[in-house]
C-alpha atoms as a PDB file:
ATOM      1  CA  UNK A   1       0.000   0.000   0.000  1.00  0.00           C
ATOM      2  CA  UNK A   2       1.376   3.405  -0.958  1.00  0.00           C
ATOM      3  CA  UNK A   3       0.691   6.103   1.594  1.00  0.00           C
ATOM      4  CA  UNK A   4       0.209   9.763   0.708  1.00  0.00           C
ATOM      5  CA  UNK A   5       3.307  11.959   1.113  1.00  0.00           C
ATOM      6  CA  UNK A   6       2.117  13.358   4.430  1.00  0.00           C
ATOM      7  CA  UNK A   7       2.433   9.849   5.898  1.00  0.00           C
ATOM      8  CA  UNK A   8       5.948   9.438   4.571  1.00  0.00           C
ATOM      9  CA  UNK A   9       8.796   9.700   7.075  1.00  0.00           C
ATOM     10  CA  UNK A  10      10.761  11.434   4.292  1.00  0.00           C
ATOM     11  CA  UNK A  11       8.317  14.339   3.969  1.00  0.00           C
ATOM     12  CA  UNK A  12       9.846  17.736   4.666  1.00  0.00           C
ATOM     13  CA  UNK A  13       9.424  18.994   8.225  1.00  0.00           C
ATOM     14  CA  UNK A  14       7.436  22.196   8.543  1.00  0.00           C
ATOM     15  CA  UNK A  15       7.422  23.364  12.173  1.00  0.00           C
ATOM     16  CA  UNK A  16       5.285  26.502  11.659  1.00  0.00           C
ATOM     17  CA  UNK A  17       2.613  24.511   9.852  1.00  0.00           C
ATOM     18  CA  UNK A  18       2.703  21.822  12.546  1.00  0.00           C
ATOM     19  CA  UNK A  19       2.271  24.459  15.237  1.00  0.00           C
ATOM     20  CA  UNK A  20      -0.547  26.078  13.249  1.00  0.00           C
ATOM     21  CA  UNK A  21      -2.324  22.730  12.863  1.00  0.00           C
ATOM     22  CA  UNK A  22      -2.148  22.100  16.608  1.00  0.00           C
ATOM     23  CA  UNK A  23      -3.194  25.653  17.450  1.00  0.00           C
ATOM     24  CA  UNK A  24      -6.149  25.605  15.034  1.00  0.00           C
ATOM     25  CA  UNK A  25      -7.369  22.262  16.347  1.00  0.00           C
ATOM     26  CA  UNK A  26      -6.998  23.375  19.965  1.00  0.00           C
ATOM     27  CA  UNK A  27      -8.906  26.609  19.290  1.00  0.00           C
ATOM     28  CA  UNK A  28     -11.646  24.653  17.497  1.00  0.00           C
ATOM     29  CA  UNK A  29     -12.112  22.364  20.508  1.00  0.00           C
ATOM     30  CA  UNK A  30     -12.203  25.268  22.974  1.00  0.00           C
ATOM     31  CA  UNK A  31     -14.526  27.441  20.890  1.00  0.00           C
ATOM     32  CA  UNK A  32     -16.959  24.617  20.160  1.00  0.00           C
ATOM     33  CA  UNK A  33     -17.020  23.499  23.801  1.00  0.00           C
ATOM     34  CA  UNK A  34     -17.546  26.992  25.159  1.00  0.00           C
ATOM     35  CA  UNK A  35     -20.184  27.804  22.531  1.00  0.00           C
ATOM     36  CA  UNK A  36     -22.259  24.746  23.417  1.00  0.00           C
ATOM     37  CA  UNK A  37     -21.741  25.454  27.136  1.00  0.00           C
ATOM     38  CA  UNK A  38     -22.969  29.025  26.656  1.00  0.00           C
ATOM     39  CA  UNK A  39     -26.007  27.929  24.660  1.00  0.00           C
ATOM     40  CA  UNK A  40     -26.937  25.402  27.347  1.00  0.00           C
ATOM     41  CA  UNK A  41     -26.538  28.061  30.046  1.00  0.00           C
ATOM     42  CA  UNK A  42     -28.636  30.592  28.102  1.00  0.00           C
ATOM     43  CA  UNK A  43     -31.497  28.135  27.544  1.00  0.00           C
ATOM     44  CA  UNK A  44     -31.327  27.169  31.245  1.00  0.00           C
ATOM     45  CA  UNK A  45     -30.335  23.551  30.707  1.00  0.00           C
ATOM     46  CA  UNK A  46     -27.221  24.266  32.790  1.00  0.00           C
ATOM     47  CA  UNK A  47     -27.221  26.336  35.972  1.00  0.00           C
ATOM     48  CA  UNK A  48     -25.711  29.838  35.774  1.00  0.00           C
ATOM     49  CA  UNK A  49     -21.934  30.071  35.288  1.00  0.00           C
ATOM     50  CA  UNK A  50     -20.027  29.526  38.527  1.00  0.00           C
ATOM     51  CA  UNK A  51     -22.781  27.579  40.255  1.00  0.00           C
ATOM     52  CA  UNK A  52     -22.273  23.864  40.960  1.00  0.00           C
ATOM     53  CA  UNK A  53     -23.634  21.409  38.400  1.00  0.00           C
ATOM     54  CA  UNK A  54     -24.190  18.242  40.406  1.00  0.00           C
ATOM     55  CA  UNK A  55     -26.775  16.548  38.177  1.00  0.00           C
ATOM     56  CA  UNK A  56     -25.087  13.449  36.658  1.00  0.00           C
ATOM     57  CA  UNK A  57     -27.140  13.688  33.452  1.00  0.00           C
ATOM     58  CA  UNK A  58     -25.919  17.227  32.798  1.00  0.00           C
ATOM     59  CA  UNK A  59     -22.327  16.197  33.400  1.00  0.00           C
ATOM     60  CA  UNK A  60     -22.793  13.256  31.014  1.00  0.00           C
ATOM     61  CA  UNK A  61     -24.166  15.679  28.437  1.00  0.00           C
ATOM     62  CA  UNK A  62     -21.127  17.938  28.807  1.00  0.00           C
ATOM     63  CA  UNK A  63     -18.783  14.955  28.639  1.00  0.00           C
ATOM     64  CA  UNK A  64     -20.486  13.617  25.517  1.00  0.00           C
ATOM     65  CA  UNK A  65     -19.992  16.698  23.385  1.00  0.00           C
ATOM     66  CA  UNK A  66     -16.496  17.254  24.731  1.00  0.00           C
ATOM     67  CA  UNK A  67     -15.587  13.729  23.644  1.00  0.00           C
ATOM     68  CA  UNK A  68     -16.950  14.416  20.163  1.00  0.00           C
ATOM     69  CA  UNK A  69     -15.111  17.745  19.967  1.00  0.00           C
ATOM     70  CA  UNK A  70     -11.912  16.083  21.189  1.00  0.00           C
ATOM     71  CA  UNK A  71     -12.109  13.505  18.405  1.00  0.00           C
ATOM     72  CA  UNK A  72     -12.978  16.164  15.816  1.00  0.00           C
ATOM     73  CA  UNK A  73     -10.172  18.444  16.978  1.00  0.00           C
ATOM     74  CA  UNK A  74      -7.653  15.605  16.824  1.00  0.00           C
ATOM     75  CA  UNK A  75      -8.900  14.697  13.370  1.00  0.00           C
ATOM     76  CA  UNK A  76      -8.451  18.337  12.336  1.00  0.00           C
ATOM     77  CA  UNK A  77      -4.902  18.424  13.718  1.00  0.00           C
ATOM     78  CA  UNK A  78      -4.098  15.238  11.790  1.00  0.00           C
ATOM     79  CA  UNK A  79      -5.859  16.435   8.648  1.00  0.00           C
ATOM     80  CA  UNK A  80      -4.049  19.754   8.327  1.00  0.00           C
ATOM     81  CA  UNK A  81      -0.680  18.590   9.615  1.00  0.00           C
ATOM     82  CA  UNK A  82       2.184  18.760   7.109  1.00  0.00           C
ATOM     83  CA  UNK A  83       3.315  15.226   8.005  1.00  0.00           C
ATOM     84  CA  UNK A  84       2.893  12.517  10.647  1.00  0.00           C
ATOM     85  CA  UNK A  85      -0.840  13.075  11.161  1.00  0.00           C
ATOM     86  CA  UNK A  86      -1.200  10.574  14.009  1.00  0.00           C
ATOM     87  CA  UNK A  87       1.688  12.233  15.834  1.00  0.00           C
ATOM     88  CA  UNK A  88      -0.092  15.583  15.591  1.00  0.00           C
ATOM     89  CA  UNK A  89      -3.346  14.080  16.859  1.00  0.00           C
ATOM     90  CA  UNK A  90      -1.531  12.507  19.801  1.00  0.00           C
ATOM     91  CA  UNK A  91       0.393  15.692  20.608  1.00  0.00           C
ATOM     92  CA  UNK A  92      -2.949  17.481  20.779  1.00  0.00           C
ATOM     93  CA  UNK A  93      -4.175  14.697  23.046  1.00  0.00           C
ATOM     94  CA  UNK A  94      -1.143  15.209  25.268  1.00  0.00           C
ATOM     95  CA  UNK A  95      -1.936  18.912  25.494  1.00  0.00           C
ATOM     96  CA  UNK A  96      -5.512  18.013  26.420  1.00  0.00           C
ATOM     97  CA  UNK A  97      -4.252  15.510  28.995  1.00  0.00           C
ATOM     98  CA  UNK A  98      -2.040  18.113  30.682  1.00  0.00           C
ATOM     99  CA  UNK A  99      -4.701  20.830  30.634  1.00  0.00           C
ATOM    100  CA  UNK A 100      -7.515  18.556  31.806  1.00  0.00           C
ATOM    101  CA  UNK A 101      -5.272  17.208  34.599  1.00  0.00           C
ATOM    102  CA  UNK A 102      -4.588  20.765  35.742  1.00  0.00           C
ATOM    103  CA  UNK A 103      -8.306  21.505  35.505  1.00  0.00           C
ATOM    104  CA  UNK A 104      -9.183  18.451  37.579  1.00  0.00           C
ATOM    105  CA  UNK A 105      -6.621  19.346  40.244  1.00  0.00           C
ATOM    106  CA  UNK A 106      -7.952  22.904  40.374  1.00  0.00           C
ATOM    107  CA  UNK A 107     -11.688  22.213  40.275  1.00  0.00           C
ATOM    108  CA  UNK A 108     -12.263  19.022  42.271  1.00  0.00           C
ATOM    109  CA  UNK A 109     -11.635  20.791  45.609  1.00  0.00           C
ATOM    110  CA  UNK A 110     -14.112  23.534  44.595  1.00  0.00           C
ATOM    111  CA  UNK A 111     -16.941  20.966  44.427  1.00  0.00           C
ATOM    112  CA  UNK A 112     -18.476  22.508  41.298  1.00  0.00           C
ATOM    113  CA  UNK A 113     -19.792  19.091  40.303  1.00  0.00           C
ATOM    114  CA  UNK A 114     -19.011  15.420  40.675  1.00  0.00           C
ATOM    115  CA  UNK A 115     -15.294  14.580  40.743  1.00  0.00           C
ATOM    116  CA  UNK A 116     -15.768  11.886  38.081  1.00  0.00           C
ATOM    117  CA  UNK A 117     -16.426  14.533  35.434  1.00  0.00           C
ATOM    118  CA  UNK A 118     -12.993  16.225  35.353  1.00  0.00           C
ATOM    119  CA  UNK A 119     -11.334  12.842  35.920  1.00  0.00           C
ATOM    120  CA  UNK A 120     -13.136  11.441  32.870  1.00  0.00           C
ATOM    121  CA  UNK A 121     -11.823  14.348  30.778  1.00  0.00           C
ATOM    122  CA  UNK A 122      -8.301  13.338  31.817  1.00  0.00           C
ATOM    123  CA  UNK A 123      -8.890   9.634  31.129  1.00  0.00           C
ATOM    124  CA  UNK A 124     -10.454  10.191  27.704  1.00  0.00           C
ATOM    125  CA  UNK A 125      -8.002  12.776  26.316  1.00  0.00           C
ATOM    126  CA  UNK A 126      -5.612  10.305  24.692  1.00  0.00           C
ATOM    127  CA  UNK A 127      -8.231   7.812  23.408  1.00  0.00           C
ATOM    128  CA  UNK A 128     -10.095  10.683  21.714  1.00  0.00           C
ATOM    129  CA  UNK A 129      -6.858  11.924  20.172  1.00  0.00           C
ATOM    130  CA  UNK A 130      -6.001   8.443  18.910  1.00  0.00           C
ATOM    131  CA  UNK A 131      -9.483   8.041  17.415  1.00  0.00           C
ATOM    132  CA  UNK A 132      -9.158  11.382  15.619  1.00  0.00           C
ATOM    133  CA  UNK A 133      -5.853  10.207  14.138  1.00  0.00           C
ATOM    134  CA  UNK A 134      -7.408   6.907  13.078  1.00  0.00           C
ATOM    135  CA  UNK A 135     -10.295   8.706  11.379  1.00  0.00           C
ATOM    136  CA  UNK A 136      -7.809  10.761   9.375  1.00  0.00           C
ATOM    137  CA  UNK A 137      -5.909   7.662   8.342  1.00  0.00           C
ATOM    138  CA  UNK A 138      -9.148   5.935   7.257  1.00  0.00           C
ATOM    139  CA  UNK A 139     -10.120   9.000   5.234  1.00  0.00           C
ATOM    140  CA  UNK A 140      -6.703   9.101   3.579  1.00  0.00           C
ATOM    141  CA  UNK A 141      -6.601   5.369   3.186  1.00  0.00           C
END
């Protein structure tokens, strides 16, 4: 099987484009997540910002779209990367892992919701990134 050039280890390295791919994918995940959060706050599905959200169903809802956005963002990072798409998806996952770990450490003591929610963001960061990379490879395949 012949892989496209962007899967070739011989493809030219392009650090600015790699950084741009990661930045664009990260911004997409953050913007999409915050937009859906805001919509759900405005229509009173979620409590007002800053108030605890202890209802498990609401936390599952938030987790569900964050998982989808994590996969889509990782796919985007892989898709627009200059080379090594899976590596870009996994780097984005690593960024998500670090940031969600910091978020869990910061928010669990505040009791803004169940502790399993931020922990599940940490646990799912890398699997979502991997799945986004796989989706890109299947598309390119």
